[in-house]
């Protein structure tokens, strides 16, 4: 359960990262990158892979 939540939060932070880049919001990019890193660390500790986050982001797990 923790891994699923962490995967979802990492994916959301990466989505926010993409939006911040598109908007040229440097502070938003830095914040989203830090948040994605935090949630990725938690997800990875629970056995998640980058493919899990990628799948979630593409909508296959939503």
N, C-alpha and C. Protein backbone atom coordinates (compact mmCIF):
# COMPACT_ATOMS: atom_id res chain seq x y z
N UNK A 1 0.82 -1.19 0.00
CA UNK A 1 0.00 0.00 0.00
C UNK A 1 0.87 1.27 0.00
N UNK A 2 1.92 1.25 0.80
CA UNK A 2 2.80 2.42 0.84
C UNK A 2 3.44 2.63 -0.51
N UNK A 3 3.86 1.55 -1.17
CA UNK A 3 4.51 1.68 -2.48
C UNK A 3 3.55 2.30 -3.49
N UNK A 4 2.30 1.88 -3.49
CA UNK A 4 1.33 2.46 -4.44
C UNK A 4 1.15 3.95 -4.21
N UNK A 5 1.05 4.33 -2.95
CA UNK A 5 0.90 5.76 -2.62
C UNK A 5 2.15 6.52 -3.05
N UNK A 6 3.31 5.96 -2.76
CA UNK A 6 4.56 6.63 -3.12
C UNK A 6 4.72 6.73 -4.63
N UNK A 7 4.33 5.69 -5.34
CA UNK A 7 4.38 5.72 -6.81
C UNK A 7 3.47 6.83 -7.33
N UNK A 8 2.27 6.90 -6.80
CA UNK A 8 1.32 7.94 -7.23
C UNK A 8 1.85 9.33 -6.93
N UNK A 9 2.41 9.53 -5.75
CA UNK A 9 2.92 10.85 -5.37
C UNK A 9 4.14 11.23 -6.21
N UNK A 10 5.02 10.26 -6.48
CA UNK A 10 6.18 10.54 -7.34
C UNK A 10 5.72 10.92 -8.74
N UNK A 11 4.74 10.20 -9.26
CA UNK A 11 4.21 10.51 -10.60
C UNK A 11 3.57 11.90 -10.63
N UNK A 12 2.84 12.24 -9.59
CA UNK A 12 2.22 13.57 -9.53
C UNK A 12 3.29 14.66 -9.48
N UNK A 13 4.34 14.42 -8.71
CA UNK A 13 5.42 15.40 -8.62
C UNK A 13 6.12 15.54 -9.98
N UNK A 14 6.29 14.45 -10.69
CA UNK A 14 6.90 14.53 -12.02
C UNK A 14 5.99 15.28 -13.00
N UNK A 15 4.69 15.10 -12.87
CA UNK A 15 3.76 15.86 -13.69
C UNK A 15 3.89 17.36 -13.38
N UNK A 16 3.99 17.69 -12.10
CA UNK A 16 4.17 19.09 -11.70
C UNK A 16 5.49 19.63 -12.21
N UNK A 17 6.50 18.80 -12.23
CA UNK A 17 7.81 19.17 -12.77
C UNK A 17 7.68 19.54 -14.24
N UNK A 18 7.01 18.70 -15.00
CA UNK A 18 6.81 18.98 -16.43
C UNK A 18 6.07 20.30 -16.66
N UNK A 19 5.04 20.54 -15.88
CA UNK A 19 4.27 21.78 -16.00
C UNK A 19 5.14 22.98 -15.66
N UNK A 20 5.91 22.87 -14.60
CA UNK A 20 6.78 23.97 -14.19
C UNK A 20 7.81 24.29 -15.26
N UNK A 21 8.35 23.26 -15.90
CA UNK A 21 9.30 23.49 -16.99
C UNK A 21 8.61 24.22 -18.14
N UNK A 22 7.43 23.75 -18.50
CA UNK A 22 6.69 24.40 -19.60
C UNK A 22 6.40 25.86 -19.30
N UNK A 23 6.17 26.17 -18.03
CA UNK A 23 5.84 27.53 -17.63
C UNK A 23 7.07 28.37 -17.33
N UNK A 24 8.23 27.76 -17.34
CA UNK A 24 9.46 28.48 -17.03
C UNK A 24 9.56 28.85 -15.56
N UNK A 25 8.94 28.08 -14.70
CA UNK A 25 8.90 28.35 -13.27
C UNK A 25 10.04 27.60 -12.58
N UNK A 26 11.17 28.26 -12.43
CA UNK A 26 12.35 27.61 -11.85
C UNK A 26 12.11 27.12 -10.42
N UNK A 27 11.44 27.92 -9.62
CA UNK A 27 11.14 27.51 -8.25
C UNK A 27 10.24 26.29 -8.22
N UNK A 28 9.29 26.25 -9.13
CA UNK A 28 8.39 25.11 -9.22
C UNK A 28 9.13 23.85 -9.66
N UNK A 29 10.08 24.03 -10.57
CA UNK A 29 10.89 22.89 -11.03
C UNK A 29 11.69 22.32 -9.86
N UNK A 30 12.34 23.19 -9.12
CA UNK A 30 13.15 22.73 -8.00
C UNK A 30 12.30 22.05 -6.92
N UNK A 31 11.16 22.63 -6.63
CA UNK A 31 10.26 22.06 -5.62
C UNK A 31 9.73 20.70 -6.06
N UNK A 32 9.28 20.61 -7.29
CA UNK A 32 8.73 19.35 -7.81
C UNK A 32 9.80 18.28 -7.89
N UNK A 33 11.01 18.67 -8.27
CA UNK A 33 12.11 17.69 -8.34
C UNK A 33 12.43 17.14 -6.95
N UNK A 34 12.45 18.02 -5.96
CA UNK A 34 12.72 17.57 -4.59
C UNK A 34 11.62 16.63 -4.10
N UNK A 35 10.37 16.98 -4.38
CA UNK A 35 9.26 16.14 -3.96
C UNK A 35 9.28 14.79 -4.68
N UNK A 36 9.56 14.82 -5.96
CA UNK A 36 9.63 13.56 -6.72
C UNK A 36 10.75 12.68 -6.17
N UNK A 37 11.86 13.28 -5.85
CA UNK A 37 12.98 12.52 -5.29
C UNK A 37 12.63 11.88 -3.96
N UNK A 38 11.94 12.62 -3.12
CA UNK A 38 11.51 12.09 -1.83
C UNK A 38 10.59 10.89 -2.01
N UNK A 39 9.55 11.07 -2.83
CA UNK A 39 8.59 9.99 -3.02
C UNK A 39 9.20 8.82 -3.77
N UNK A 40 10.13 9.08 -4.68
CA UNK A 40 10.79 7.98 -5.38
C UNK A 40 11.62 7.16 -4.40
N UNK A 41 12.31 7.82 -3.49
CA UNK A 41 13.11 7.10 -2.49
C UNK A 41 12.23 6.18 -1.66
N UNK A 42 11.07 6.67 -1.27
CA UNK A 42 10.13 5.86 -0.49
C UNK A 42 9.62 4.70 -1.33
N UNK A 43 9.23 4.97 -2.57
CA UNK A 43 8.71 3.91 -3.44
C UNK A 43 9.77 2.85 -3.70
N UNK A 44 10.99 3.29 -3.96
CA UNK A 44 12.07 2.36 -4.24
C UNK A 44 12.36 1.47 -3.03
N UNK A 45 12.30 2.05 -1.84
CA UNK A 45 12.53 1.27 -0.62
C UNK A 45 11.46 0.20 -0.43
N UNK A 46 10.30 0.43 -1.04
CA UNK A 46 9.20 -0.54 -0.95
C UNK A 46 9.20 -1.52 -2.12
N UNK A 47 10.21 -1.44 -2.98
CA UNK A 47 10.35 -2.39 -4.07
C UNK A 47 9.84 -1.91 -5.43
N UNK A 48 9.48 -0.65 -5.54
CA UNK A 48 9.00 -0.12 -6.82
C UNK A 48 10.16 0.07 -7.80
N UNK A 49 9.82 0.09 -9.07
CA UNK A 49 10.82 0.32 -10.11
C UNK A 49 10.43 1.57 -10.90
N UNK A 50 11.35 2.05 -11.72
CA UNK A 50 11.03 3.21 -12.55
C UNK A 50 9.89 2.87 -13.51
N UNK A 51 9.81 1.61 -13.91
CA UNK A 51 8.72 1.19 -14.80
C UNK A 51 7.36 1.35 -14.12
N UNK A 52 7.31 1.15 -12.81
CA UNK A 52 6.05 1.32 -12.08
C UNK A 52 5.58 2.78 -12.15
N UNK A 53 6.50 3.70 -11.97
CA UNK A 53 6.15 5.12 -12.03
C UNK A 53 5.78 5.50 -13.46
N UNK A 54 6.55 5.02 -14.41
CA UNK A 54 6.27 5.31 -15.82
C UNK A 54 4.88 4.81 -16.21
N UNK A 55 4.55 3.61 -15.79
CA UNK A 55 3.24 3.02 -16.08
C UNK A 55 2.14 3.86 -15.45
N UNK A 56 2.34 4.27 -14.22
CA UNK A 56 1.34 5.10 -13.54
C UNK A 56 1.13 6.41 -14.29
N UNK A 57 2.24 7.01 -14.73
CA UNK A 57 2.15 8.30 -15.42
C UNK A 57 1.44 8.19 -16.76
N UNK A 58 1.56 7.06 -17.42
CA UNK A 58 0.90 6.91 -18.72
C UNK A 58 -0.55 6.49 -18.60
N UNK A 59 -1.00 6.29 -17.39
CA UNK A 59 -2.41 6.02 -17.17
C UNK A 59 -2.77 4.56 -17.08
N UNK A 60 -1.82 3.67 -17.22
CA UNK A 60 -2.13 2.24 -17.18
C UNK A 60 -2.54 1.76 -15.80
N UNK A 61 -2.13 2.47 -14.76
CA UNK A 61 -2.43 2.02 -13.40
C UNK A 61 -3.46 2.90 -12.71
N UNK A 62 -4.00 3.85 -13.43
CA UNK A 62 -4.92 4.79 -12.78
C UNK A 62 -6.31 4.26 -12.74
